[in-house]
Amino acid sequence: MKNSNQIFFRCQECGTKNRIPAERVTSNPRCGKCRHLLDTDELFEIQPMIVTTENFEKKVLKSPLPVLAFAWAPWCPTCRAFLPIIDDYARDVKGKIRVGKLDVDRNSEISSRFKIFSVPQILIFDNGILKEWLPGAMQKYEIQKKMADYI
């Protein structure tokens, strides 16, 4: 069983997953392997974040946390109906999982790269690797169950 008083945070330098006691998150923790200073400010960023072609590398691929990226389009009624569920989930997992919204119309380069041909889609990344690709909308409890392995 995982300790809820600990944060799991991936080193952006070497990729090692570090376990940080919650009370030490703001005291400049270092990676246990490479001793690189961990940028824990990322734990306090506003969620869900907006994912763009410009920030995709930093915010998704080099994220110190697992990432749930919600691919959507403004013209899609199912996507728009699903946005409040994504927002609610993002509030619940702040500091454990990074949640982002990817508008496929405005970021066609990413859509092409990951072969997103229909929306909505959920893409799950961990350590810069696409781990799962889930088509369609899901209920919050289904997302929680799917993401439990990454927390």
N, C-alpha and C. Protein backbone atom coordinates (compact mmCIF):
# COMPACT_ATOMS: atom_id res chain seq x y z
N MET A 1 0.83 -1.17 0.00
CA MET A 1 0.00 0.00 0.00
C MET A 1 0.88 1.24 0.00
N LYS A 2 0.53 2.22 -0.85
CA LYS A 2 1.34 3.43 -0.95
C LYS A 2 0.99 4.40 0.16
N ASN A 3 2.00 5.08 0.67
CA ASN A 3 1.83 6.05 1.73
C ASN A 3 1.28 7.34 1.14
N SER A 4 0.13 7.83 1.65
CA SER A 4 -0.49 9.03 1.12
C SER A 4 0.26 10.30 1.53
N ASN A 5 1.21 10.20 2.44
CA ASN A 5 2.01 11.34 2.87
C ASN A 5 3.27 11.48 2.03
N GLN A 6 3.34 10.76 0.92
CA GLN A 6 4.50 10.82 0.05
C GLN A 6 4.06 11.20 -1.36
N ILE A 7 4.92 11.93 -2.03
CA ILE A 7 4.69 12.33 -3.41
C ILE A 7 5.68 11.55 -4.27
N PHE A 8 5.20 11.01 -5.38
CA PHE A 8 6.08 10.33 -6.33
C PHE A 8 6.34 11.29 -7.47
N PHE A 9 7.62 11.60 -7.67
CA PHE A 9 8.01 12.67 -8.58
C PHE A 9 9.20 12.22 -9.41
N ARG A 10 9.08 12.27 -10.72
CA ARG A 10 10.14 11.80 -11.60
C ARG A 10 11.18 12.90 -11.83
N CYS A 11 12.44 12.54 -11.73
CA CYS A 11 13.54 13.48 -11.98
C CYS A 11 13.54 13.86 -13.46
N GLN A 12 13.54 15.13 -13.75
CA GLN A 12 13.53 15.58 -15.14
C GLN A 12 14.90 15.43 -15.80
N GLU A 13 15.91 15.16 -15.02
CA GLU A 13 17.25 14.98 -15.56
C GLU A 13 17.52 13.52 -15.95
N CYS A 14 17.28 12.59 -15.01
CA CYS A 14 17.63 11.19 -15.28
C CYS A 14 16.41 10.26 -15.41
N GLY A 15 15.20 10.76 -15.07
CA GLY A 15 14.00 9.96 -15.22
C GLY A 15 13.67 9.05 -14.05
N THR A 16 14.48 9.07 -13.00
CA THR A 16 14.23 8.21 -11.84
C THR A 16 13.01 8.70 -11.07
N LYS A 17 12.16 7.76 -10.65
CA LYS A 17 10.98 8.09 -9.86
C LYS A 17 11.41 8.20 -8.41
N ASN A 18 11.20 9.37 -7.81
CA ASN A 18 11.59 9.64 -6.43
C ASN A 18 10.37 9.70 -5.53
N ARG A 19 10.54 9.26 -4.31
CA ARG A 19 9.49 9.33 -3.30
C ARG A 19 9.88 10.44 -2.33
N ILE A 20 9.03 11.49 -2.27
CA ILE A 20 9.33 12.65 -1.44
C ILE A 20 8.28 12.75 -0.34
N PRO A 21 8.69 12.83 0.93
CA PRO A 21 7.71 13.05 1.99
C PRO A 21 6.99 14.39 1.74
N ALA A 22 5.69 14.42 1.90
CA ALA A 22 4.89 15.61 1.60
C ALA A 22 5.42 16.86 2.31
N GLU A 23 5.90 16.69 3.53
CA GLU A 23 6.38 17.86 4.27
C GLU A 23 7.71 18.40 3.74
N ARG A 24 8.39 17.66 2.86
CA ARG A 24 9.68 18.11 2.30
C ARG A 24 9.58 18.59 0.85
N VAL A 25 8.38 18.62 0.31
CA VAL A 25 8.20 18.99 -1.10
C VAL A 25 8.73 20.38 -1.39
N THR A 26 8.59 21.31 -0.47
CA THR A 26 9.03 22.69 -0.71
C THR A 26 10.44 22.97 -0.19
N SER A 27 11.17 21.96 0.26
CA SER A 27 12.50 22.18 0.84
C SER A 27 13.63 21.74 -0.09
N ASN A 28 13.48 22.01 -1.38
CA ASN A 28 14.52 21.73 -2.39
C ASN A 28 15.01 20.28 -2.38
N PRO A 29 14.11 19.32 -2.57
CA PRO A 29 14.55 17.91 -2.60
C PRO A 29 15.42 17.63 -3.83
N ARG A 30 16.25 16.62 -3.70
CA ARG A 30 17.13 16.20 -4.79
C ARG A 30 16.81 14.77 -5.19
N CYS A 31 17.15 14.44 -6.43
CA CYS A 31 16.97 13.08 -6.94
C CYS A 31 17.87 12.13 -6.17
N GLY A 32 17.33 11.00 -5.78
CA GLY A 32 18.11 10.00 -5.05
C GLY A 32 19.19 9.35 -5.89
N LYS A 33 19.07 9.40 -7.23
CA LYS A 33 20.05 8.76 -8.09
C LYS A 33 21.12 9.74 -8.58
N CYS A 34 20.69 10.85 -9.23
CA CYS A 34 21.68 11.75 -9.86
C CYS A 34 21.93 13.02 -9.05
N ARG A 35 21.18 13.20 -7.97
CA ARG A 35 21.32 14.35 -7.06
C ARG A 35 20.88 15.68 -7.70
N HIS A 36 20.22 15.63 -8.84
CA HIS A 36 19.70 16.83 -9.49
C HIS A 36 18.58 17.43 -8.63
N LEU A 37 18.54 18.76 -8.54
CA LEU A 37 17.49 19.43 -7.80
C LEU A 37 16.15 19.19 -8.49
N LEU A 38 15.15 18.73 -7.74
CA LEU A 38 13.84 18.44 -8.30
C LEU A 38 12.98 19.70 -8.31
N ASP A 39 12.42 20.02 -9.46
CA ASP A 39 11.59 21.21 -9.62
C ASP A 39 10.17 20.90 -9.17
N THR A 40 9.96 20.90 -7.87
CA THR A 40 8.65 20.54 -7.32
C THR A 40 7.60 21.64 -7.49
N ASP A 41 7.98 22.79 -8.01
CA ASP A 41 6.99 23.84 -8.30
C ASP A 41 5.93 23.31 -9.27
N GLU A 42 6.32 22.33 -10.08
CA GLU A 42 5.40 21.74 -11.04
C GLU A 42 4.19 21.09 -10.37
N LEU A 43 4.33 20.72 -9.10
CA LEU A 43 3.22 20.11 -8.38
C LEU A 43 2.09 21.10 -8.12
N PHE A 44 2.41 22.39 -8.17
CA PHE A 44 1.45 23.41 -7.79
C PHE A 44 0.87 24.18 -8.97
N GLU A 45 1.16 23.71 -10.19
CA GLU A 45 0.63 24.37 -11.37
C GLU A 45 -0.88 24.17 -11.48
N ILE A 46 -1.52 25.11 -12.12
CA ILE A 46 -2.97 25.05 -12.32
C ILE A 46 -3.30 23.87 -13.23
N GLN A 47 -4.37 23.16 -12.85
CA GLN A 47 -4.83 22.02 -13.64
C GLN A 47 -6.30 22.19 -13.94
N PRO A 48 -6.78 21.68 -15.05
CA PRO A 48 -5.99 21.07 -16.10
C PRO A 48 -5.25 22.14 -16.90
N MET A 49 -4.11 21.77 -17.42
CA MET A 49 -3.31 22.69 -18.22
C MET A 49 -3.75 22.57 -19.68
N ILE A 50 -3.43 23.59 -20.45
CA ILE A 50 -3.70 23.56 -21.88
C ILE A 50 -2.43 23.05 -22.56
N VAL A 51 -2.54 21.95 -23.29
CA VAL A 51 -1.40 21.37 -23.99
C VAL A 51 -1.40 21.92 -25.42
N THR A 52 -0.24 22.40 -25.84
CA THR A 52 -0.07 22.93 -27.20
C THR A 52 1.15 22.28 -27.85
N THR A 53 1.28 22.51 -29.12
CA THR A 53 2.47 22.02 -29.83
C THR A 53 3.73 22.60 -29.20
N GLU A 54 3.66 23.86 -28.77
CA GLU A 54 4.82 24.54 -28.21
C GLU A 54 5.23 24.00 -26.84
N ASN A 55 4.28 23.60 -26.01
CA ASN A 55 4.65 23.15 -24.66
C ASN A 55 4.57 21.64 -24.47
N PHE A 56 4.23 20.90 -25.52
CA PHE A 56 4.04 19.45 -25.40
C PHE A 56 5.28 18.73 -24.87
N GLU A 57 6.43 19.05 -25.38
CA GLU A 57 7.68 18.40 -24.95
C GLU A 57 7.89 18.58 -23.44
N LYS A 58 7.80 19.82 -22.97
CA LYS A 58 8.07 20.12 -21.57
C LYS A 58 6.96 19.61 -20.64
N LYS A 59 5.71 19.89 -21.00
CA LYS A 59 4.60 19.60 -20.10
C LYS A 59 4.12 18.16 -20.12
N VAL A 60 4.38 17.44 -21.22
CA VAL A 60 3.92 16.06 -21.31
C VAL A 60 5.09 15.08 -21.33
N LEU A 61 5.95 15.20 -22.32
CA LEU A 61 7.03 14.22 -22.48
C LEU A 61 8.08 14.30 -21.38
N LYS A 62 8.33 15.49 -20.85
CA LYS A 62 9.34 15.64 -19.79
C LYS A 62 8.69 15.89 -18.43
N SER A 63 7.44 15.55 -18.32
CA SER A 63 6.73 15.77 -17.07
C SER A 63 7.28 14.89 -15.95
N PRO A 64 7.43 15.46 -14.75
CA PRO A 64 7.86 14.65 -13.61
C PRO A 64 6.73 13.79 -13.04
N LEU A 65 5.53 14.01 -13.53
CA LEU A 65 4.36 13.25 -13.08
C LEU A 65 3.76 12.52 -14.28
N PRO A 66 3.03 11.45 -14.04
CA PRO A 66 2.28 10.84 -15.14
C PRO A 66 1.30 11.87 -15.71
N VAL A 67 0.99 11.75 -17.00
CA VAL A 67 0.12 12.73 -17.66
C VAL A 67 -1.08 12.04 -18.28
N LEU A 68 -2.25 12.61 -18.01
CA LEU A 68 -3.47 12.24 -18.72
C LEU A 68 -3.77 13.41 -19.65
N ALA A 69 -3.67 13.16 -20.96
CA ALA A 69 -3.95 14.20 -21.95
C ALA A 69 -5.29 13.90 -22.60
N PHE A 70 -6.20 14.85 -22.50
CA PHE A 70 -7.53 14.71 -23.07
C PHE A 70 -7.55 15.41 -24.43
N ALA A 71 -7.65 14.63 -25.49
CA ALA A 71 -7.70 15.18 -26.85
C ALA A 71 -9.17 15.44 -27.19
N TRP A 72 -9.45 16.68 -27.59
CA TRP A 72 -10.82 17.09 -27.82
C TRP A 72 -10.87 18.13 -28.94
N ALA A 73 -12.08 18.47 -29.34
CA ALA A 73 -12.29 19.51 -30.34
C ALA A 73 -13.52 20.32 -29.93
N PRO A 74 -13.47 21.64 -30.14
CA PRO A 74 -14.59 22.50 -29.73
C PRO A 74 -15.92 22.17 -30.42
N TRP A 75 -15.87 21.62 -31.62
CA TRP A 75 -17.08 21.30 -32.37
C TRP A 75 -17.71 19.97 -31.95
N CYS A 76 -17.06 19.22 -31.07
CA CYS A 76 -17.51 17.89 -30.67
C CYS A 76 -18.41 17.98 -29.42
N PRO A 77 -19.72 17.67 -29.55
CA PRO A 77 -20.60 17.77 -28.38
C PRO A 77 -20.23 16.78 -27.27
N THR A 78 -19.78 15.60 -27.63
CA THR A 78 -19.37 14.62 -26.60
C THR A 78 -18.17 15.16 -25.83
N CYS A 79 -17.23 15.77 -26.54
CA CYS A 79 -16.05 16.34 -25.88
C CYS A 79 -16.45 17.44 -24.91
N ARG A 80 -17.31 18.35 -25.35
CA ARG A 80 -17.74 19.47 -24.51
C ARG A 80 -18.48 18.96 -23.27
N ALA A 81 -19.26 17.91 -23.43
CA ALA A 81 -19.98 17.34 -22.29
C ALA A 81 -19.02 16.67 -21.30
N PHE A 82 -17.89 16.19 -21.80
CA PHE A 82 -16.91 15.47 -20.99
C PHE A 82 -15.93 16.41 -20.27
N LEU A 83 -15.80 17.66 -20.72
CA LEU A 83 -14.85 18.61 -20.13
C LEU A 83 -15.04 18.81 -18.61
N PRO A 84 -16.26 18.92 -18.10
CA PRO A 84 -16.40 19.07 -16.63
C PRO A 84 -15.88 17.86 -15.86
N ILE A 85 -15.97 16.68 -16.43
CA ILE A 85 -15.44 15.48 -15.77
C ILE A 85 -13.92 15.56 -15.71
N ILE A 86 -13.31 15.99 -16.80
CA ILE A 86 -11.85 16.16 -16.83
C ILE A 86 -11.42 17.22 -15.82
N ASP A 87 -12.13 18.35 -15.78
CA ASP A 87 -11.80 19.41 -14.82
C ASP A 87 -11.90 18.91 -13.38
N ASP A 88 -12.95 18.18 -13.07
CA ASP A 88 -13.16 17.64 -11.73
C ASP A 88 -12.05 16.65 -11.36
N TYR A 89 -11.73 15.76 -12.29
CA TYR A 89 -10.67 14.79 -12.05
C TYR A 89 -9.33 15.51 -11.82
N ALA A 90 -9.07 16.54 -12.61
CA ALA A 90 -7.81 17.29 -12.48
C ALA A 90 -7.67 17.90 -11.08
N ARG A 91 -8.75 18.42 -10.54
CA ARG A 91 -8.70 18.98 -9.18
C ARG A 91 -8.38 17.89 -8.15
N ASP A 92 -8.94 16.72 -8.35
CA ASP A 92 -8.74 15.61 -7.40
C ASP A 92 -7.31 15.09 -7.37
N VAL A 93 -6.63 15.11 -8.50
CA VAL A 93 -5.31 14.47 -8.59
C VAL A 93 -4.16 15.47 -8.68
N LYS A 94 -4.43 16.73 -8.40
CA LYS A 94 -3.38 17.75 -8.46
C LYS A 94 -2.21 17.34 -7.57
N GLY A 95 -1.02 17.39 -8.12
CA GLY A 95 0.18 16.99 -7.39
C GLY A 95 0.52 15.51 -7.52
N LYS A 96 -0.37 14.73 -8.13
CA LYS A 96 -0.12 13.30 -8.33
C LYS A 96 -0.06 12.94 -9.80
N ILE A 97 -0.96 13.54 -10.57
CA ILE A 97 -1.04 13.31 -12.01
C ILE A 97 -1.23 14.66 -12.68
N ARG A 98 -0.56 14.88 -13.77
CA ARG A 98 -0.77 16.10 -14.54
C ARG A 98 -1.87 15.82 -15.55
N VAL A 99 -2.87 16.69 -15.58
CA VAL A 99 -3.98 16.55 -16.50
C VAL A 99 -3.93 17.71 -17.49
N GLY A 100 -4.04 17.38 -18.77
CA GLY A 100 -4.00 18.40 -19.80
C GLY A 100 -5.09 18.23 -20.83
N LYS A 101 -5.44 19.35 -21.46
CA LYS A 101 -6.42 19.35 -22.55
C LYS A 101 -5.70 19.71 -23.84
N LEU A 102 -5.92 18.91 -24.85
CA LEU A 102 -5.28 19.11 -26.14
C LEU A 102 -6.36 19.35 -27.20
N ASP A 103 -6.46 20.57 -27.69
CA ASP A 103 -7.40 20.89 -28.77
C ASP A 103 -6.76 20.40 -30.07
N VAL A 104 -7.33 19.35 -30.64
CA VAL A 104 -6.72 18.72 -31.82
C VAL A 104 -6.77 19.62 -33.06
N ASP A 105 -7.74 20.53 -33.13
CA ASP A 105 -7.82 21.44 -34.27
C ASP A 105 -6.69 22.47 -34.25
N ARG A 106 -6.32 22.93 -33.09
CA ARG A 106 -5.26 23.95 -32.97
C ARG A 106 -3.87 23.34 -32.90
N ASN A 107 -3.78 22.05 -32.70
CA ASN A 107 -2.48 21.38 -32.53
C ASN A 107 -2.41 20.15 -33.42
N SER A 108 -2.56 20.36 -34.70
CA SER A 108 -2.63 19.26 -35.67
C SER A 108 -1.33 18.46 -35.74
N GLU A 109 -0.22 19.08 -35.43
CA GLU A 109 1.06 18.36 -35.45
C GLU A 109 1.06 17.21 -34.42
N ILE A 110 0.56 17.49 -33.23
CA ILE A 110 0.48 16.46 -32.19
C ILE A 110 -0.56 15.42 -32.57
N SER A 111 -1.68 15.88 -33.11
CA SER A 111 -2.75 14.96 -33.55
C SER A 111 -2.22 13.97 -34.57
N SER A 112 -1.43 14.48 -35.51
CA SER A 112 -0.85 13.61 -36.54
C SER A 112 0.18 12.66 -35.94
N ARG A 113 1.01 13.20 -35.07
CA ARG A 113 2.08 12.40 -34.46
C ARG A 113 1.53 11.19 -33.70
N PHE A 114 0.41 11.38 -33.02
CA PHE A 114 -0.16 10.29 -32.22
C PHE A 114 -1.40 9.67 -32.86
N LYS A 115 -1.61 10.00 -34.13
CA LYS A 115 -2.68 9.39 -34.92
C LYS A 115 -4.05 9.52 -34.24
N ILE A 116 -4.36 10.75 -33.82
CA ILE A 116 -5.65 11.03 -33.22
C ILE A 116 -6.59 11.41 -34.37
N PHE A 117 -7.40 10.44 -34.81
CA PHE A 117 -8.29 10.65 -35.94
C PHE A 117 -9.73 10.91 -35.52
N SER A 118 -10.03 10.64 -34.26
CA SER A 118 -11.37 10.92 -33.76
C SER A 118 -11.25 11.42 -32.32
N VAL A 119 -12.25 12.14 -31.89
CA VAL A 119 -12.28 12.67 -30.53
C VAL A 119 -13.62 12.32 -29.91
N PRO A 120 -13.65 12.21 -28.59
CA PRO A 120 -12.57 12.40 -27.63
C PRO A 120 -11.65 11.18 -27.53
N GLN A 121 -10.45 11.45 -27.08
CA GLN A 121 -9.44 10.42 -26.81
C GLN A 121 -8.74 10.78 -25.51
N ILE A 122 -8.31 9.79 -24.78
CA ILE A 122 -7.47 10.00 -23.60
C ILE A 122 -6.15 9.30 -23.86
N LEU A 123 -5.07 10.06 -23.71
CA LEU A 123 -3.72 9.51 -23.86
C LEU A 123 -3.04 9.58 -22.51
N ILE A 124 -2.43 8.47 -22.11
CA ILE A 124 -1.74 8.41 -20.82
C ILE A 124 -0.25 8.25 -21.08
N PHE A 125 0.53 9.19 -20.54
CA PHE A 125 1.98 9.19 -20.68
C PHE A 125 2.62 9.01 -19.32
N ASP A 126 3.71 8.26 -19.29
CA ASP A 126 4.51 8.15 -18.08
C ASP A 126 5.97 8.08 -18.52
N ASN A 127 6.78 8.93 -17.93
CA ASN A 127 8.21 9.01 -18.26
C ASN A 127 8.41 9.27 -19.75
N GLY A 128 7.54 10.09 -20.34
CA GLY A 128 7.67 10.48 -21.73
C GLY A 128 7.21 9.44 -22.73
N ILE A 129 6.63 8.35 -22.26
CA ILE A 129 6.20 7.26 -23.14
C ILE A 129 4.68 7.16 -23.11
N LEU A 130 4.08 7.05 -24.30
CA LEU A 130 2.65 6.84 -24.39
C LEU A 130 2.37 5.42 -23.92
N LYS A 131 1.70 5.32 -22.78
CA LYS A 131 1.42 4.01 -22.17
C LYS A 131 0.06 3.46 -22.59
N GLU A 132 -0.94 4.33 -22.68
CA GLU A 132 -2.28 3.88 -23.04
C GLU A 132 -2.96 4.94 -23.89
N TRP A 133 -3.87 4.47 -24.74
CA TRP A 133 -4.61 5.32 -25.64
C TRP A 133 -6.05 4.83 -25.59
N LEU A 134 -6.92 5.65 -25.02
CA LEU A 134 -8.29 5.24 -24.75
C LEU A 134 -9.26 6.07 -25.58
N PRO A 135 -9.95 5.44 -26.52
CA PRO A 135 -10.91 6.19 -27.34
C PRO A 135 -12.22 6.41 -26.58
N GLY A 136 -12.86 7.54 -26.87
CA GLY A 136 -14.17 7.82 -26.32
C GLY A 136 -14.14 8.45 -24.94
N ALA A 137 -15.32 8.84 -24.49
CA ALA A 137 -15.47 9.45 -23.17
C ALA A 137 -15.59 8.36 -22.11
N MET A 138 -15.17 8.69 -20.90
CA MET A 138 -15.24 7.75 -19.78
C MET A 138 -15.83 8.48 -18.58
N GLN A 139 -16.38 7.73 -17.68
CA GLN A 139 -16.85 8.30 -16.43
C GLN A 139 -15.65 8.53 -15.50
N LYS A 140 -15.82 9.40 -14.53
CA LYS A 140 -14.72 9.74 -13.62
C LYS A 140 -14.17 8.51 -12.91
N TYR A 141 -15.04 7.64 -12.44
CA TYR A 141 -14.57 6.45 -11.72
C TYR A 141 -13.74 5.54 -12.64
N GLU A 142 -14.08 5.52 -13.94
CA GLU A 142 -13.30 4.72 -14.90
C GLU A 142 -11.91 5.32 -15.09
N ILE A 143 -11.83 6.63 -15.13
CA ILE A 143 -10.54 7.31 -15.24
C ILE A 143 -9.71 7.04 -13.99
N GLN A 144 -10.33 7.16 -12.83
CA GLN A 144 -9.62 6.91 -11.57
C GLN A 144 -9.05 5.49 -11.53
N LYS A 145 -9.85 4.54 -11.95
CA LYS A 145 -9.41 3.15 -11.95
C LYS A 145 -8.25 2.95 -12.92
N LYS A 146 -8.34 3.54 -14.11
CA LYS A 146 -7.29 3.42 -15.12
C LYS A 146 -5.99 4.07 -14.67
N MET A 147 -6.09 5.21 -13.98
CA MET A 147 -4.90 5.97 -13.59
C MET A 147 -4.29 5.50 -12.27
N ALA A 148 -4.98 4.64 -11.54
CA ALA A 148 -4.47 4.17 -10.23
C ALA A 148 -3.09 3.53 -10.35
N ASP A 149 -2.80 2.87 -11.45
CA ASP A 149 -1.50 2.22 -11.64
C ASP A 149 -0.36 3.23 -11.79
N TYR A 150 -0.68 4.47 -12.11
CA TYR A 150 0.36 5.46 -12.37
C TYR A 150 0.62 6.39 -11.19
N ILE A 151 -0.22 6.33 -10.17
CA ILE A 151 -0.04 7.22 -9.00
C ILE A 151 1.01 6.63 -8.08
